[in-house]
N, C-alpha and C. Protein backbone atom coordinates (compact mmCIF):
# COMPACT_ATOMS: atom_id res chain seq x y z
N MET A 1 -9.90 7.58 42.62
CA MET A 1 -9.41 7.65 41.25
C MET A 1 -10.09 8.84 40.57
N ASN A 2 -9.29 9.71 39.94
CA ASN A 2 -9.88 10.87 39.29
C ASN A 2 -10.43 10.50 37.91
N ARG A 3 -11.12 11.42 37.28
CA ARG A 3 -11.77 11.16 35.99
C ARG A 3 -10.75 10.80 34.90
N TYR A 4 -9.61 11.47 34.92
CA TYR A 4 -8.57 11.22 33.92
C TYR A 4 -8.04 9.79 34.04
N SER A 5 -7.75 9.36 35.25
CA SER A 5 -7.25 8.00 35.49
C SER A 5 -8.28 6.97 35.09
N LEU A 6 -9.54 7.23 35.42
CA LEU A 6 -10.61 6.31 35.06
C LEU A 6 -10.73 6.19 33.54
N ALA A 7 -10.62 7.31 32.86
CA ALA A 7 -10.71 7.30 31.40
C ALA A 7 -9.56 6.48 30.80
N LEU A 8 -8.35 6.63 31.34
CA LEU A 8 -7.21 5.86 30.85
C LEU A 8 -7.39 4.37 31.08
N VAL A 9 -7.90 4.00 32.24
CA VAL A 9 -8.14 2.59 32.54
C VAL A 9 -9.17 2.01 31.58
N LEU A 10 -10.26 2.75 31.35
CA LEU A 10 -11.29 2.28 30.42
C LEU A 10 -10.76 2.16 29.00
N LEU A 11 -9.95 3.10 28.57
CA LEU A 11 -9.34 3.05 27.25
C LEU A 11 -8.44 1.83 27.12
N ALA A 12 -7.62 1.57 28.12
CA ALA A 12 -6.72 0.41 28.10
C ALA A 12 -7.51 -0.89 28.05
N MET A 13 -8.61 -0.96 28.79
CA MET A 13 -9.43 -2.17 28.79
C MET A 13 -10.09 -2.38 27.42
N THR A 14 -10.52 -1.30 26.80
CA THR A 14 -11.13 -1.39 25.48
C THR A 14 -10.14 -1.88 24.45
N ILE A 15 -8.93 -1.33 24.48
CA ILE A 15 -7.88 -1.75 23.55
C ILE A 15 -7.53 -3.21 23.78
N ALA A 16 -7.37 -3.61 25.00
CA ALA A 16 -7.03 -5.00 25.32
C ALA A 16 -8.13 -5.95 24.86
N ALA A 17 -9.38 -5.59 25.04
CA ALA A 17 -10.49 -6.44 24.61
C ALA A 17 -10.51 -6.56 23.09
N GLY A 18 -10.24 -5.47 22.39
CA GLY A 18 -10.20 -5.51 20.93
C GLY A 18 -9.06 -6.37 20.42
N SER A 19 -7.90 -6.27 21.05
CA SER A 19 -6.74 -7.07 20.65
C SER A 19 -7.00 -8.55 20.89
N ALA A 20 -7.59 -8.87 22.01
CA ALA A 20 -7.86 -10.27 22.33
C ALA A 20 -8.83 -10.87 21.32
N GLN A 21 -9.83 -10.11 20.92
CA GLN A 21 -10.81 -10.61 19.95
C GLN A 21 -10.13 -10.87 18.61
N THR A 22 -9.28 -9.97 18.17
CA THR A 22 -8.59 -10.12 16.90
C THR A 22 -7.67 -11.34 16.92
N GLU A 23 -6.97 -11.55 18.00
CA GLU A 23 -6.02 -12.66 18.09
C GLU A 23 -6.71 -14.01 18.05
N ARG A 24 -7.96 -14.11 18.49
CA ARG A 24 -8.67 -15.38 18.53
C ARG A 24 -9.23 -15.77 17.17
N GLU A 25 -9.40 -14.82 16.28
CA GLU A 25 -9.98 -15.12 14.98
C GLU A 25 -8.94 -15.79 14.09
N PRO A 26 -9.26 -16.96 13.54
CA PRO A 26 -8.30 -17.64 12.66
C PRO A 26 -8.16 -16.87 11.35
N SER A 27 -6.98 -16.91 10.79
CA SER A 27 -6.73 -16.24 9.52
C SER A 27 -5.68 -17.01 8.74
N PHE A 28 -5.89 -17.11 7.45
CA PHE A 28 -4.95 -17.78 6.57
C PHE A 28 -3.83 -16.81 6.22
N HIS A 29 -2.59 -17.27 6.30
CA HIS A 29 -1.43 -16.47 5.91
C HIS A 29 -0.66 -17.23 4.84
N PRO A 30 -0.72 -16.76 3.58
CA PRO A 30 -0.03 -17.47 2.50
C PRO A 30 1.47 -17.58 2.76
N LYS A 31 2.03 -18.70 2.39
CA LYS A 31 3.47 -18.97 2.59
C LYS A 31 4.34 -17.89 1.93
N ASN A 32 3.94 -17.45 0.75
CA ASN A 32 4.72 -16.45 0.01
C ASN A 32 4.20 -15.04 0.19
N GLY A 33 3.36 -14.82 1.19
CA GLY A 33 2.81 -13.50 1.46
C GLY A 33 1.56 -13.25 0.63
N PHE A 34 0.84 -12.19 0.99
CA PHE A 34 -0.38 -11.83 0.28
C PHE A 34 -0.08 -11.23 -1.09
N VAL A 35 1.15 -10.76 -1.31
CA VAL A 35 1.56 -10.18 -2.60
C VAL A 35 2.79 -10.96 -3.06
N PRO A 36 2.59 -12.16 -3.62
CA PRO A 36 3.71 -13.07 -3.89
C PRO A 36 4.55 -12.72 -5.11
N ASN A 37 4.02 -11.89 -6.02
CA ASN A 37 4.77 -11.63 -7.25
C ASN A 37 4.52 -10.21 -7.77
N ALA A 38 5.32 -9.83 -8.78
CA ALA A 38 5.25 -8.48 -9.34
C ALA A 38 3.90 -8.19 -9.98
N GLU A 39 3.33 -9.17 -10.64
CA GLU A 39 2.03 -8.98 -11.30
C GLU A 39 0.95 -8.59 -10.29
N THR A 40 0.93 -9.27 -9.16
CA THR A 40 -0.04 -8.95 -8.11
C THR A 40 0.22 -7.56 -7.54
N ALA A 41 1.49 -7.22 -7.33
CA ALA A 41 1.84 -5.90 -6.81
C ALA A 41 1.35 -4.79 -7.74
N VAL A 42 1.51 -4.97 -9.04
CA VAL A 42 1.06 -3.97 -10.01
C VAL A 42 -0.46 -3.83 -9.98
N LYS A 43 -1.17 -4.94 -9.91
CA LYS A 43 -2.64 -4.89 -9.87
C LYS A 43 -3.12 -4.14 -8.63
N ILE A 44 -2.49 -4.40 -7.50
CA ILE A 44 -2.87 -3.70 -6.27
C ILE A 44 -2.56 -2.21 -6.38
N ALA A 45 -1.39 -1.89 -6.91
CA ALA A 45 -1.00 -0.48 -7.07
C ALA A 45 -2.00 0.26 -7.94
N GLU A 46 -2.36 -0.31 -9.08
CA GLU A 46 -3.32 0.34 -9.96
C GLU A 46 -4.67 0.49 -9.26
N ALA A 47 -5.07 -0.52 -8.51
CA ALA A 47 -6.37 -0.47 -7.82
C ALA A 47 -6.44 0.65 -6.81
N VAL A 48 -5.34 0.97 -6.14
CA VAL A 48 -5.38 2.06 -5.15
C VAL A 48 -5.07 3.42 -5.77
N LEU A 49 -4.36 3.45 -6.88
CA LEU A 49 -4.03 4.72 -7.53
C LEU A 49 -5.19 5.32 -8.31
N ILE A 50 -5.95 4.49 -9.02
CA ILE A 50 -7.01 4.98 -9.90
C ILE A 50 -8.05 5.82 -9.17
N PRO A 51 -8.58 5.41 -8.01
CA PRO A 51 -9.57 6.26 -7.34
C PRO A 51 -9.02 7.62 -6.88
N VAL A 52 -7.72 7.68 -6.66
CA VAL A 52 -7.12 8.92 -6.15
C VAL A 52 -6.70 9.85 -7.29
N TYR A 53 -6.04 9.30 -8.31
CA TYR A 53 -5.46 10.14 -9.36
C TYR A 53 -6.20 10.07 -10.69
N GLY A 54 -7.17 9.19 -10.81
CA GLY A 54 -7.96 9.09 -12.03
C GLY A 54 -7.46 7.99 -12.96
N GLU A 55 -8.42 7.32 -13.58
CA GLU A 55 -8.10 6.19 -14.44
C GLU A 55 -7.25 6.59 -15.64
N GLU A 56 -7.61 7.69 -16.30
CA GLU A 56 -6.88 8.11 -17.50
C GLU A 56 -5.40 8.37 -17.19
N LYS A 57 -5.15 9.08 -16.11
CA LYS A 57 -3.76 9.42 -15.74
C LYS A 57 -2.97 8.15 -15.41
N ILE A 58 -3.55 7.26 -14.60
CA ILE A 58 -2.81 6.08 -14.16
C ILE A 58 -2.61 5.09 -15.30
N LEU A 59 -3.62 4.85 -16.10
CA LEU A 59 -3.45 3.91 -17.21
C LEU A 59 -2.46 4.43 -18.25
N SER A 60 -2.29 5.76 -18.33
CA SER A 60 -1.32 6.33 -19.27
C SER A 60 0.12 6.08 -18.82
N GLU A 61 0.30 5.63 -17.57
CA GLU A 61 1.65 5.36 -17.05
C GLU A 61 2.04 3.88 -17.17
N ARG A 62 1.22 3.09 -17.84
CA ARG A 62 1.57 1.70 -18.07
C ARG A 62 2.71 1.63 -19.06
N PRO A 63 3.59 0.69 -18.97
CA PRO A 63 3.59 -0.41 -18.02
C PRO A 63 4.17 0.03 -16.66
N PHE A 64 3.61 -0.52 -15.62
CA PHE A 64 4.14 -0.32 -14.28
C PHE A 64 5.20 -1.39 -14.03
N LYS A 65 6.24 -1.00 -13.30
CA LYS A 65 7.32 -1.94 -12.96
C LYS A 65 7.31 -2.15 -11.46
N ALA A 66 7.48 -3.40 -11.04
CA ALA A 66 7.51 -3.72 -9.62
C ALA A 66 8.85 -4.35 -9.27
N ALA A 67 9.47 -3.86 -8.20
CA ALA A 67 10.74 -4.39 -7.72
C ALA A 67 10.59 -4.73 -6.24
N LEU A 68 11.11 -5.89 -5.87
CA LEU A 68 11.02 -6.34 -4.48
C LEU A 68 12.35 -6.12 -3.78
N GLN A 69 12.29 -5.47 -2.61
CA GLN A 69 13.47 -5.31 -1.76
C GLN A 69 13.05 -5.68 -0.35
N GLU A 70 13.63 -6.76 0.15
CA GLU A 70 13.25 -7.35 1.43
C GLU A 70 11.77 -7.70 1.37
N ASP A 71 10.92 -7.09 2.19
CA ASP A 71 9.49 -7.43 2.21
C ASP A 71 8.63 -6.36 1.53
N VAL A 72 9.24 -5.45 0.78
CA VAL A 72 8.48 -4.32 0.22
C VAL A 72 8.58 -4.30 -1.31
N TRP A 73 7.39 -4.33 -1.93
CA TRP A 73 7.31 -4.12 -3.37
C TRP A 73 7.25 -2.62 -3.63
N THR A 74 8.06 -2.13 -4.56
CA THR A 74 7.97 -0.75 -5.01
C THR A 74 7.48 -0.79 -6.45
N VAL A 75 6.32 -0.19 -6.68
CA VAL A 75 5.70 -0.19 -8.00
C VAL A 75 5.75 1.23 -8.54
N GLU A 76 6.29 1.37 -9.77
CA GLU A 76 6.44 2.69 -10.38
C GLU A 76 5.88 2.69 -11.79
N GLY A 77 5.27 3.82 -12.14
CA GLY A 77 4.76 3.98 -13.49
C GLY A 77 5.88 4.36 -14.45
N THR A 78 5.54 4.38 -15.75
CA THR A 78 6.49 4.74 -16.80
C THR A 78 6.11 6.11 -17.35
N LEU A 79 7.09 7.00 -17.44
CA LEU A 79 6.88 8.33 -18.00
C LEU A 79 7.18 8.24 -19.50
N HIS A 80 6.17 8.48 -20.33
CA HIS A 80 6.33 8.36 -21.78
C HIS A 80 6.67 9.72 -22.38
N CYS A 81 7.76 9.75 -23.13
CA CYS A 81 8.19 10.98 -23.79
C CYS A 81 8.49 10.66 -25.25
N GLY A 82 8.36 11.65 -26.07
CA GLY A 82 8.73 11.46 -27.47
C GLY A 82 10.24 11.32 -27.59
N GLU A 83 10.69 10.70 -28.67
CA GLU A 83 12.13 10.49 -28.86
C GLU A 83 12.87 11.81 -28.89
N GLY A 84 13.96 11.87 -28.16
CA GLY A 84 14.80 13.05 -28.13
C GLY A 84 14.22 14.22 -27.37
N LYS A 85 13.03 14.07 -26.79
CA LYS A 85 12.42 15.16 -26.04
C LYS A 85 12.71 15.00 -24.56
N ARG A 86 12.84 16.14 -23.91
CA ARG A 86 13.02 16.14 -22.47
C ARG A 86 11.67 15.89 -21.82
N CYS A 87 11.64 14.99 -20.84
CA CYS A 87 10.38 14.67 -20.15
C CYS A 87 10.17 15.60 -18.97
N ASN A 88 9.00 16.17 -18.92
CA ASN A 88 8.58 16.92 -17.74
C ASN A 88 7.50 16.10 -17.06
N GLY A 89 7.53 16.11 -15.75
CA GLY A 89 6.50 15.39 -15.01
C GLY A 89 7.07 14.23 -14.24
N GLY A 90 6.17 13.47 -13.64
CA GLY A 90 6.58 12.34 -12.83
C GLY A 90 5.53 11.25 -12.91
N THR A 91 5.77 10.20 -12.18
CA THR A 91 4.87 9.06 -12.20
C THR A 91 4.46 8.68 -10.78
N ALA A 92 3.53 7.75 -10.72
CA ALA A 92 3.06 7.24 -9.45
C ALA A 92 4.05 6.24 -8.88
N VAL A 93 4.13 6.20 -7.55
CA VAL A 93 4.95 5.22 -6.85
C VAL A 93 4.12 4.70 -5.67
N VAL A 94 4.07 3.38 -5.55
CA VAL A 94 3.36 2.75 -4.44
C VAL A 94 4.29 1.73 -3.81
N LYS A 95 4.35 1.71 -2.48
CA LYS A 95 5.12 0.70 -1.75
C LYS A 95 4.12 -0.18 -1.00
N ILE A 96 4.28 -1.51 -1.19
CA ILE A 96 3.33 -2.48 -0.66
C ILE A 96 4.07 -3.56 0.10
N SER A 97 3.57 -3.92 1.27
CA SER A 97 4.15 -5.02 2.05
C SER A 97 3.85 -6.34 1.35
N LYS A 98 4.88 -7.12 1.06
CA LYS A 98 4.71 -8.43 0.43
C LYS A 98 3.96 -9.37 1.35
N SER A 99 4.29 -9.36 2.63
CA SER A 99 3.70 -10.32 3.56
C SER A 99 2.25 -10.00 3.92
N THR A 100 1.91 -8.71 4.07
CA THR A 100 0.56 -8.35 4.52
C THR A 100 -0.32 -7.72 3.46
N GLY A 101 0.26 -7.16 2.40
CA GLY A 101 -0.51 -6.46 1.39
C GLY A 101 -0.82 -5.02 1.76
N GLN A 102 -0.32 -4.57 2.90
CA GLN A 102 -0.58 -3.20 3.36
C GLN A 102 0.09 -2.19 2.44
N ILE A 103 -0.63 -1.10 2.15
CA ILE A 103 -0.06 0.01 1.39
C ILE A 103 0.78 0.82 2.37
N LEU A 104 2.08 0.87 2.14
CA LEU A 104 3.00 1.54 3.04
C LEU A 104 3.24 3.00 2.66
N HIS A 105 3.12 3.28 1.35
CA HIS A 105 3.42 4.62 0.84
C HIS A 105 2.79 4.75 -0.54
N MET A 106 2.25 5.93 -0.84
CA MET A 106 1.69 6.18 -2.16
C MET A 106 1.85 7.65 -2.48
N ILE A 107 2.36 7.94 -3.68
CA ILE A 107 2.56 9.34 -4.09
C ILE A 107 2.54 9.39 -5.61
N HIS A 108 2.25 10.57 -6.13
CA HIS A 108 2.39 10.80 -7.58
C HIS A 108 3.27 12.03 -7.72
N TYR A 109 4.47 11.81 -8.28
CA TYR A 109 5.41 12.91 -8.47
C TYR A 109 4.96 13.78 -9.63
N LYS A 110 5.27 15.06 -9.54
CA LYS A 110 4.87 16.02 -10.57
C LYS A 110 5.96 16.22 -11.58
């Protein structure tokens, strides 16, 4: 067996051992998912947006709106403009898995 083959075998064994360990650990899975409602989705979105884009910028986009489509919450900020004025700029958007709570996508449009 050459060095490359040996390395691949060792890598596969390491991955398999890690997977087996994870599968044996018990974990609670909420019936309605880790992100069961819009309020929770907004709190999670703000929590991940603030360290990246800054508290002042993100809090200025409140209220955030959350919409559920299949298993994905899409949370979007509000762009505030004066009456009759054209808005320049964009808001934050975060996509979150309802079942796992995983952040699937995060961006701030300009």
